[in-house]
C-alpha atoms as a PDB file:
ATOM      1  CA  UNK A   1       0.000   0.000   0.000  1.00  0.00           C
ATOM      2  CA  UNK A   2       2.805   2.385   0.911  1.00  0.00           C
ATOM      3  CA  UNK A   3       4.674   1.418  -2.255  1.00  0.00           C
ATOM      4  CA  UNK A   4       1.591   2.219  -4.337  1.00  0.00           C
ATOM      5  CA  UNK A   5       1.317   5.635  -2.722  1.00  0.00           C
ATOM      6  CA  UNK A   6       4.980   6.344  -3.383  1.00  0.00           C
ATOM      7  CA  UNK A   7       4.877   5.793  -7.140  1.00  0.00           C
ATOM      8  CA  UNK A   8       1.580   7.656  -7.386  1.00  0.00           C
ATOM      9  CA  UNK A   9       3.175  10.569  -5.536  1.00  0.00           C
ATOM     10  CA  UNK A  10       6.147  10.407  -7.901  1.00  0.00           C
ATOM     11  CA  UNK A  11       3.748  10.447 -10.858  1.00  0.00           C
ATOM     12  CA  UNK A  12       1.948  13.456  -9.394  1.00  0.00           C
ATOM     13  CA  UNK A  13       5.167  15.381  -8.726  1.00  0.00           C
ATOM     14  CA  UNK A  14       6.580  14.634 -12.189  1.00  0.00           C
ATOM     15  CA  UNK A  15       3.326  15.492 -13.919  1.00  0.00           C
ATOM     16  CA  UNK A  16       2.831  18.777 -12.069  1.00  0.00           C
ATOM     17  CA  UNK A  17       6.404  19.910 -12.677  1.00  0.00           C
ATOM     18  CA  UNK A  18       6.273  19.089 -16.390  1.00  0.00           C
ATOM     19  CA  UNK A  19       2.699  20.233 -17.029  1.00  0.00           C
ATOM     20  CA  UNK A  20       3.772  23.792 -16.148  1.00  0.00           C
ATOM     21  CA  UNK A  21       6.298  23.646 -19.001  1.00  0.00           C
ATOM     22  CA  UNK A  22       3.638  22.019 -21.174  1.00  0.00           C
ATOM     23  CA  UNK A  23       1.077  24.785 -20.757  1.00  0.00           C
ATOM     24  CA  UNK A  24       3.793  27.382 -21.339  1.00  0.00           C
ATOM     25  CA  UNK A  25       4.651  25.516 -24.553  1.00  0.00           C
ATOM     26  CA  UNK A  26       0.994  25.361 -25.630  1.00  0.00           C
ATOM     27  CA  UNK A  27       0.613  29.044 -24.758  1.00  0.00           C
ATOM     28  CA  UNK A  28       3.466  29.957 -27.090  1.00  0.00           C
ATOM     29  CA  UNK A  29       1.913  27.850 -29.865  1.00  0.00           C
ATOM     30  CA  UNK A  30      -1.425  29.553 -29.221  1.00  0.00           C
ATOM     31  CA  UNK A  31       0.073  33.032 -29.591  1.00  0.00           C
ATOM     32  CA  UNK A  32       1.951  32.036 -32.750  1.00  0.00           C
ATOM     33  CA  UNK A  33      -1.239  30.570 -34.179  1.00  0.00           C
ATOM     34  CA  UNK A  34      -3.215  33.750 -33.472  1.00  0.00           C
ATOM     35  CA  UNK A  35      -0.589  35.738 -35.374  1.00  0.00           C
ATOM     36  CA  UNK A  36      -0.807  33.283 -38.288  1.00  0.00           C
ATOM     37  CA  UNK A  37      -4.610  33.497 -38.328  1.00  0.00           C
ATOM     38  CA  UNK A  38      -4.415  37.295 -38.301  1.00  0.00           C
ATOM     39  CA  UNK A  39      -1.984  37.205 -41.209  1.00  0.00           C
ATOM     40  CA  UNK A  40      -4.281  34.799 -43.105  1.00  0.00           C
ATOM     41  CA  UNK A  41      -7.249  37.107 -42.500  1.00  0.00           C
ATOM     42  CA  UNK A  42      -5.243  40.117 -43.721  1.00  0.00           C
ATOM     43  CA  UNK A  43      -4.197  38.261 -46.871  1.00  0.00           C
ATOM     44  CA  UNK A  44      -7.617  36.585 -47.365  1.00  0.00           C
ATOM     45  CA  UNK A  45      -5.742  33.299 -47.307  1.00  0.00           C
ATOM     46  CA  UNK A  46      -6.016  29.851 -45.748  1.00  0.00           C
ATOM     47  CA  UNK A  47      -4.707  29.091 -42.266  1.00  0.00           C
ATOM     48  CA  UNK A  48      -2.951  25.979 -41.036  1.00  0.00           C
ATOM     49  CA  UNK A  49      -4.782  25.904 -37.711  1.00  0.00           C
ATOM     50  CA  UNK A  50      -3.740  25.179 -34.128  1.00  0.00           C
ATOM     51  CA  UNK A  51      -4.072  21.398 -34.323  1.00  0.00           C
ATOM     52  CA  UNK A  52      -1.596  21.058 -37.159  1.00  0.00           C
ATOM     53  CA  UNK A  53       0.852  23.484 -35.558  1.00  0.00           C
ATOM     54  CA  UNK A  54       0.714  21.487 -32.324  1.00  0.00           C
ATOM     55  CA  UNK A  55       0.866  18.174 -34.197  1.00  0.00           C
ATOM     56  CA  UNK A  56       4.398  18.893 -35.448  1.00  0.00           C
ATOM     57  CA  UNK A  57       5.742  20.965 -32.554  1.00  0.00           C
ATOM     58  CA  UNK A  58       4.523  18.578 -29.830  1.00  0.00           C
ATOM     59  CA  UNK A  59       6.675  15.787 -31.256  1.00  0.00           C
ATOM     60  CA  UNK A  60       9.794  17.892 -30.667  1.00  0.00           C
ATOM     61  CA  UNK A  61       8.604  19.075 -27.273  1.00  0.00           C
ATOM     62  CA  UNK A  62       7.819  15.627 -25.893  1.00  0.00           C
ATOM     63  CA  UNK A  63      11.063  14.188 -27.230  1.00  0.00           C
ATOM     64  CA  UNK A  64      13.047  16.986 -25.553  1.00  0.00           C
ATOM     65  CA  UNK A  65      11.425  16.603 -22.133  1.00  0.00           C
ATOM     66  CA  UNK A  66      11.809  12.839 -22.527  1.00  0.00           C
ATOM     67  CA  UNK A  67      15.547  13.453 -22.903  1.00  0.00           C
ATOM     68  CA  UNK A  68      15.426  15.255 -19.556  1.00  0.00           C
ATOM     69  CA  UNK A  69      13.720  12.337 -17.774  1.00  0.00           C
ATOM     70  CA  UNK A  70      16.957  10.696 -16.631  1.00  0.00           C
ATOM     71  CA  UNK A  71      17.822  13.796 -14.615  1.00  0.00           C
ATOM     72  CA  UNK A  72      14.780  13.231 -12.408  1.00  0.00           C
ATOM     73  CA  UNK A  73      16.169   9.834 -11.383  1.00  0.00           C
ATOM     74  CA  UNK A  74      18.982  11.305  -9.266  1.00  0.00           C
ATOM     75  CA  UNK A  75      16.575  13.697  -7.555  1.00  0.00           C
ATOM     76  CA  UNK A  76      14.069  11.037  -6.536  1.00  0.00           C
ATOM     77  CA  UNK A  77      16.630   8.372  -5.559  1.00  0.00           C
ATOM     78  CA  UNK A  78      18.480  11.022  -3.572  1.00  0.00           C
ATOM     79  CA  UNK A  79      15.246  11.598  -1.657  1.00  0.00           C
ATOM     80  CA  UNK A  80      14.767   7.925  -0.826  1.00  0.00           C
ATOM     81  CA  UNK A  81      12.518   6.895  -3.736  1.00  0.00           C
ATOM     82  CA  UNK A  82      13.287   3.504  -5.276  1.00  0.00           C
ATOM     83  CA  UNK A  83      14.180   3.168  -8.933  1.00  0.00           C
ATOM     84  CA  UNK A  84      11.053   1.052  -9.384  1.00  0.00           C
ATOM     85  CA  UNK A  85       8.805   3.799  -8.016  1.00  0.00           C
ATOM     86  CA  UNK A  86      10.589   6.367 -10.201  1.00  0.00           C
ATOM     87  CA  UNK A  87      10.009   4.181 -13.271  1.00  0.00           C
ATOM     88  CA  UNK A  88       6.295   3.560 -12.685  1.00  0.00           C
ATOM     89  CA  UNK A  89       5.768   7.158 -11.620  1.00  0.00           C
ATOM     90  CA  UNK A  90       7.273   8.494 -14.821  1.00  0.00           C
ATOM     91  CA  UNK A  91       5.268   6.018 -16.922  1.00  0.00           C
ATOM     92  CA  UNK A  92       2.048   7.433 -15.462  1.00  0.00           C
ATOM     93  CA  UNK A  93       3.310  11.010 -15.748  1.00  0.00           C
ATOM     94  CA  UNK A  94       4.205  10.587 -19.435  1.00  0.00           C
ATOM     95  CA  UNK A  95       0.752   9.157 -20.170  1.00  0.00           C
ATOM     96  CA  UNK A  96      -0.828  12.120 -18.390  1.00  0.00           C
ATOM     97  CA  UNK A  97       1.274  14.644 -20.289  1.00  0.00           C
ATOM     98  CA  UNK A  98       0.454  13.023 -23.629  1.00  0.00           C
ATOM     99  CA  UNK A  99      -3.266  13.099 -22.916  1.00  0.00           C
ATOM    100  CA  UNK A 100      -3.035  16.679 -21.630  1.00  0.00           C
ATOM    101  CA  UNK A 101      -1.419  17.934 -24.830  1.00  0.00           C
ATOM    102  CA  UNK A 102      -3.684  15.932 -27.148  1.00  0.00           C
ATOM    103  CA  UNK A 103      -6.941  16.858 -25.402  1.00  0.00           C
ATOM    104  CA  UNK A 104      -5.954  20.514 -24.935  1.00  0.00           C
ATOM    105  CA  UNK A 105      -4.965  20.725 -28.589  1.00  0.00           C
ATOM    106  CA  UNK A 106      -8.301  19.293 -29.720  1.00  0.00           C
ATOM    107  CA  UNK A 107     -10.322  21.569 -27.443  1.00  0.00           C
ATOM    108  CA  UNK A 108      -8.506  24.643 -28.766  1.00  0.00           C
ATOM    109  CA  UNK A 109      -9.023  23.350 -32.306  1.00  0.00           C
ATOM    110  CA  UNK A 110     -12.786  22.997 -31.799  1.00  0.00           C
ATOM    111  CA  UNK A 111     -13.059  26.529 -30.400  1.00  0.00           C
ATOM    112  CA  UNK A 112     -10.858  27.842 -33.204  1.00  0.00           C
ATOM    113  CA  UNK A 113     -12.916  26.031 -35.846  1.00  0.00           C
ATOM    114  CA  UNK A 114     -16.135  27.576 -34.526  1.00  0.00           C
ATOM    115  CA  UNK A 115     -14.639  31.087 -34.627  1.00  0.00           C
ATOM    116  CA  UNK A 116     -13.049  30.652 -38.060  1.00  0.00           C
ATOM    117  CA  UNK A 117     -16.367  29.469 -39.486  1.00  0.00           C
ATOM    118  CA  UNK A 118     -17.977  32.656 -38.165  1.00  0.00           C
ATOM    119  CA  UNK A 119     -15.372  34.902 -39.820  1.00  0.00           C
ATOM    120  CA  UNK A 120     -15.113  32.695 -42.927  1.00  0.00           C
ATOM    121  CA  UNK A 121     -11.384  31.844 -42.755  1.00  0.00           C
ATOM    122  CA  UNK A 122     -10.845  28.378 -44.296  1.00  0.00           C
ATOM    123  CA  UNK A 123      -8.296  25.782 -43.252  1.00  0.00           C
ATOM    124  CA  UNK A 124      -5.453  24.942 -45.584  1.00  0.00           C
ATOM    125  CA  UNK A 125      -5.668  21.489 -47.173  1.00  0.00           C
ATOM    126  CA  UNK A 126      -3.233  19.218 -45.349  1.00  0.00           C
ATOM    127  CA  UNK A 127      -0.547  17.111 -47.020  1.00  0.00           C
ATOM    128  CA  UNK A 128       1.241  15.949 -43.844  1.00  0.00           C
ATOM    129  CA  UNK A 129       0.855  12.275 -44.742  1.00  0.00           C
ATOM    130  CA  UNK A 130       2.356  12.788 -48.206  1.00  0.00           C
ATOM    131  CA  UNK A 131       6.047  12.262 -47.493  1.00  0.00           C
ATOM    132  CA  UNK A 132       8.288  12.590 -50.559  1.00  0.00           C
ATOM    133  CA  UNK A 133      11.633  10.794 -50.296  1.00  0.00           C
ATOM    134  CA  UNK A 134      14.516  11.615 -52.633  1.00  0.00           C
ATOM    135  CA  UNK A 135      16.926   8.773 -51.852  1.00  0.00           C
ATOM    136  CA  UNK A 136      19.145  10.848 -49.572  1.00  0.00           C
ATOM    137  CA  UNK A 137      19.256   8.557 -46.536  1.00  0.00           C
ATOM    138  CA  UNK A 138      20.024  11.258 -43.962  1.00  0.00           C
ATOM    139  CA  UNK A 139      17.441  13.667 -45.361  1.00  0.00           C
ATOM    140  CA  UNK A 140      14.823  10.934 -45.675  1.00  0.00           C
ATOM    141  CA  UNK A 141      15.353   9.751 -42.086  1.00  0.00           C
ATOM    142  CA  UNK A 142      15.162  13.296 -40.704  1.00  0.00           C
ATOM    143  CA  UNK A 143      11.940  13.930 -42.611  1.00  0.00           C
ATOM    144  CA  UNK A 144      10.406  10.660 -41.408  1.00  0.00           C
ATOM    145  CA  UNK A 145      11.447  11.383 -37.813  1.00  0.00           C
ATOM    146  CA  UNK A 146       9.773  14.812 -37.899  1.00  0.00           C
ATOM    147  CA  UNK A 147       6.518  13.730 -39.520  1.00  0.00           C
ATOM    148  CA  UNK A 148       4.215  11.199 -37.887  1.00  0.00           C
ATOM    149  CA  UNK A 149       0.980   9.614 -39.204  1.00  0.00           C
ATOM    150  CA  UNK A 150      -1.789  12.199 -39.185  1.00  0.00           C
ATOM    151  CA  UNK A 151      -5.581  12.241 -38.988  1.00  0.00           C
ATOM    152  CA  UNK A 152      -7.421  15.408 -40.021  1.00  0.00           C
ATOM    153  CA  UNK A 153      -9.428  16.616 -36.979  1.00  0.00           C
ATOM    154  CA  UNK A 154     -11.979  18.136 -39.349  1.00  0.00           C
ATOM    155  CA  UNK A 155     -12.884  14.599 -40.364  1.00  0.00           C
ATOM    156  CA  UNK A 156     -12.581  12.725 -37.063  1.00  0.00           C
ATOM    157  CA  UNK A 157     -11.495  14.746 -34.048  1.00  0.00           C
ATOM    158  CA  UNK A 158     -11.589  11.790 -31.630  1.00  0.00           C
ATOM    159  CA  UNK A 159      -9.331   9.607 -33.787  1.00  0.00           C
ATOM    160  CA  UNK A 160      -7.068  12.596 -34.468  1.00  0.00           C
ATOM    161  CA  UNK A 161      -6.709  13.136 -30.709  1.00  0.00           C
ATOM    162  CA  UNK A 162      -5.874   9.466 -30.076  1.00  0.00           C
ATOM    163  CA  UNK A 163      -3.263   9.390 -32.851  1.00  0.00           C
ATOM    164  CA  UNK A 164      -1.692  12.635 -31.626  1.00  0.00           C
ATOM    165  CA  UNK A 165      -1.517  11.303 -28.049  1.00  0.00           C
ATOM    166  CA  UNK A 166       0.033   8.039 -29.268  1.00  0.00           C
ATOM    167  CA  UNK A 167       2.645   9.779 -31.411  1.00  0.00           C
ATOM    168  CA  UNK A 168       3.835  12.200 -28.737  1.00  0.00           C
ATOM    169  CA  UNK A 169       3.747   9.556 -25.999  1.00  0.00           C
ATOM    170  CA  UNK A 170       6.120   7.350 -27.980  1.00  0.00           C
ATOM    171  CA  UNK A 171       8.344  10.362 -28.697  1.00  0.00           C
ATOM    172  CA  UNK A 172       8.572  10.955 -24.937  1.00  0.00           C
ATOM    173  CA  UNK A 173       9.500   7.391 -24.009  1.00  0.00           C
ATOM    174  CA  UNK A 174      12.027   7.197 -26.867  1.00  0.00           C
ATOM    175  CA  UNK A 175      13.663  10.348 -25.494  1.00  0.00           C
ATOM    176  CA  UNK A 176      13.584   8.797 -22.010  1.00  0.00           C
ATOM    177  CA  UNK A 177      15.190   5.599 -23.299  1.00  0.00           C
ATOM    178  CA  UNK A 178      17.965   7.549 -25.033  1.00  0.00           C
ATOM    179  CA  UNK A 179      18.632   9.752 -22.005  1.00  0.00           C
ATOM    180  CA  UNK A 180      18.829   6.843 -19.563  1.00  0.00           C
ATOM    181  CA  UNK A 181      21.131   4.954 -21.986  1.00  0.00           C
ATOM    182  CA  UNK A 182      23.563   7.883 -22.123  1.00  0.00           C
ATOM    183  CA  UNK A 183      23.209   8.334 -18.341  1.00  0.00           C
ATOM    184  CA  UNK A 184      24.206   4.777 -17.517  1.00  0.00           C
ATOM    185  CA  UNK A 185      26.433   3.613 -20.378  1.00  0.00           C
ATOM    186  CA  UNK A 186      27.909   6.745 -21.921  1.00  0.00           C
ATOM    187  CA  UNK A 187      28.323   7.796 -25.539  1.00  0.00           C
ATOM    188  CA  UNK A 188      28.787   4.471 -27.352  1.00  0.00           C
ATOM    189  CA  UNK A 189      25.656   2.707 -26.132  1.00  0.00           C
ATOM    190  CA  UNK A 190      23.852   6.032 -26.088  1.00  0.00           C
ATOM    191  CA  UNK A 191      24.407   6.375 -29.828  1.00  0.00           C
ATOM    192  CA  UNK A 192      23.240   2.792 -30.323  1.00  0.00           C
ATOM    193  CA  UNK A 193      20.052   3.696 -28.452  1.00  0.00           C
ATOM    194  CA  UNK A 194      19.542   6.632 -30.843  1.00  0.00           C
ATOM    195  CA  UNK A 195      19.795   4.308 -33.855  1.00  0.00           C
ATOM    196  CA  UNK A 196      17.442   1.837 -32.164  1.00  0.00           C
ATOM    197  CA  UNK A 197      14.978   4.669 -31.458  1.00  0.00           C
ATOM    198  CA  UNK A 198      15.021   5.736 -35.122  1.00  0.00           C
ATOM    199  CA  UNK A 199      14.231   2.216 -36.293  1.00  0.00           C
ATOM    200  CA  UNK A 200      11.484   1.823 -33.683  1.00  0.00           C
ATOM    201  CA  UNK A 201       9.914   5.169 -34.600  1.00  0.00           C
ATOM    202  CA  UNK A 202       9.819   4.359 -38.321  1.00  0.00           C
ATOM    203  CA  UNK A 203       8.332   0.912 -37.652  1.00  0.00           C
ATOM    204  CA  UNK A 204       5.718   2.437 -35.330  1.00  0.00           C
ATOM    205  CA  UNK A 205       4.748   5.020 -37.937  1.00  0.00           C
ATOM    206  CA  UNK A 206       4.225   2.402 -40.605  1.00  0.00           C
ATOM    207  CA  UNK A 207       2.160   0.199 -38.304  1.00  0.00           C
ATOM    208  CA  UNK A 208      -0.053   3.188 -37.498  1.00  0.00           C
ATOM    209  CA  UNK A 209      -0.277   3.928 -41.231  1.00  0.00           C
ATOM    210  CA  UNK A 210      -1.621   0.417 -41.705  1.00  0.00           C
ATOM    211  CA  UNK A 211      -4.280   1.002 -39.027  1.00  0.00           C
ATOM    212  CA  UNK A 212      -5.270   4.263 -40.773  1.00  0.00           C
ATOM    213  CA  UNK A 213      -5.301   2.628 -44.212  1.00  0.00           C
ATOM    214  CA  UNK A 214      -2.432   4.808 -45.423  1.00  0.00           C
ATOM    215  CA  UNK A 215       0.389   3.546 -47.670  1.00  0.00           C
ATOM    216  CA  UNK A 216       3.548   2.442 -45.875  1.00  0.00           C
ATOM    217  CA  UNK A 217       6.722   4.348 -46.728  1.00  0.00           C
ATOM    218  CA  UNK A 218      10.446   4.084 -47.157  1.00  0.00           C
ATOM    219  CA  UNK A 219      12.166   0.939 -45.988  1.00  0.00           C
ATOM    220  CA  UNK A 220       8.864  -0.543 -44.771  1.00  0.00           C
ATOM    221  CA  UNK A 221       7.043  -0.435 -48.110  1.00  0.00           C
ATOM    222  CA  UNK A 222       7.198  -4.218 -48.310  1.00  0.00           C
ATOM    223  CA  UNK A 223       5.626  -4.847 -44.930  1.00  0.00           C
ATOM    224  CA  UNK A 224       3.221  -7.762 -45.379  1.00  0.00           C
ATOM    225  CA  UNK A 225      -0.474  -7.015 -45.434  1.00  0.00           C
ATOM    226  CA  UNK A 226      -1.891  -7.503 -41.975  1.00  0.00           C
ATOM    227  CA  UNK A 227      -5.224  -6.990 -40.224  1.00  0.00           C
ATOM    228  CA  UNK A 228      -5.635  -3.668 -38.439  1.00  0.00           C
ATOM    229  CA  UNK A 229      -5.848  -5.507 -35.102  1.00  0.00           C
ATOM    230  CA  UNK A 230      -2.407  -7.028 -35.701  1.00  0.00           C
ATOM    231  CA  UNK A 231      -0.942  -3.603 -36.540  1.00  0.00           C
ATOM    232  CA  UNK A 232      -2.429  -2.118 -33.355  1.00  0.00           C
ATOM    233  CA  UNK A 233      -0.982  -5.010 -31.362  1.00  0.00           C
ATOM    234  CA  UNK A 234       2.373  -4.287 -33.014  1.00  0.00           C
ATOM    235  CA  UNK A 235       2.270  -0.662 -31.795  1.00  0.00           C
ATOM    236  CA  UNK A 236       1.418  -1.834 -28.259  1.00  0.00           C
ATOM    237  CA  UNK A 237       4.246  -4.362 -28.423  1.00  0.00           C
ATOM    238  CA  UNK A 238       6.673  -1.585 -29.429  1.00  0.00           C
ATOM    239  CA  UNK A 239       5.629   0.441 -26.373  1.00  0.00           C
ATOM    240  CA  UNK A 240       6.135  -2.607 -24.130  1.00  0.00           C
ATOM    241  CA  UNK A 241       9.605  -3.232 -25.610  1.00  0.00           C
ATOM    242  CA  UNK A 242      10.649   0.385 -25.009  1.00  0.00           C
ATOM    243  CA  UNK A 243       9.418   0.225 -21.418  1.00  0.00           C
ATOM    244  CA  UNK A 244      11.246  -3.072 -20.901  1.00  0.00           C
ATOM    245  CA  UNK A 245      14.503  -1.519 -22.115  1.00  0.00           C
ATOM    246  CA  UNK A 246      14.055   1.523 -19.861  1.00  0.00           C
ATOM    247  CA  UNK A 247      13.147  -0.615 -16.844  1.00  0.00           C
ATOM    248  CA  UNK A 248      16.090  -2.950 -17.390  1.00  0.00           C
ATOM    249  CA  UNK A 249      18.505  -0.004 -17.542  1.00  0.00           C
ATOM    250  CA  UNK A 250      17.073   1.941 -14.609  1.00  0.00           C
ATOM    251  CA  UNK A 251      16.689  -0.859 -12.068  1.00  0.00           C
ATOM    252  CA  UNK A 252      20.451  -1.097 -11.449  1.00  0.00           C
ATOM    253  CA  UNK A 253      21.766   2.204 -12.782  1.00  0.00           C
ATOM    254  CA  UNK A 254      24.331   3.926 -10.515  1.00  0.00           C
ATOM    255  CA  UNK A 255      22.863   7.265  -9.487  1.00  0.00           C
ATOM    256  CA  UNK A 256      25.028  10.377  -9.814  1.00  0.00           C
ATOM    257  CA  UNK A 257      24.028  12.486  -6.825  1.00  0.00           C
END
C-alpha cells in the first residue's frame, strides 16, 4: 500500500512539474497561431490551424522533455525513492502529459474552428501524410522522424486526438530511453540507443499507417499485409519493448548524486 502511494506521488510530482512547461509551450503555440490566423485574415488566405501546428511541434517538445527524464532519477533516488517507483511514476506522468497535450490541442481546435467558421477563414488542405523521399538517406530519415501519421481533426477529431496522443507519448518514451542509456552507459551505447529509437519510430509510424489505411513508406514499403488488429498489437508491443529496455537499464543504474 505504501509502495503504491509512493509511485503515485512520484507520478503526481513529475506530472505537475512538467505540465507547467507544457502549458507554457501550448501558450506559445497559441500566440503564434493567433498571429498566423491574423496574417491569413489580412491576406484573405487559408490558415494551417492550431491542431496542425501542435501536431508537429509537440513531437519535438515531448522528445526533448523525454531526454530530460533521466535527470529526475537522481533527484528522486536522492530523496529515498526507489528506482522502481521512479520508473512507474514516470510512466504514469508521461501518459498524463500526452493526454493533456492531445486533449488541450483538440479543445482549442474545436473553439478555433467555430470562430473561423464565423469569420469565414478556411483551413489549408493538409498534405502531412504525403512524405516525398529523394533517396538521400540522412534527409529521408530526418523527414520521417519529424513527420508522424496524421488524422485530419476536421474529419474525425476523436481519432485525431488518439493518434496525436500516441505519437507524442512514444516520442517521450524514446527520449527517455535515449537519455537513460547515455546516463548509464555513456556515448557508445547512447548512440546505439539513438539508432534503435530511429528504427522503432519508423516501424511504429508504418504500423499506425496500416491502421489508418495509409500507404507504408520508405524501408517498410514491403511490410506484409496484416489486419488492423495485428498492426495495433504491433504498436502496443513496441511500447512494451521500449518500457522493458528503460526498466532494465534503470533498475540497477548507478545514481550520480
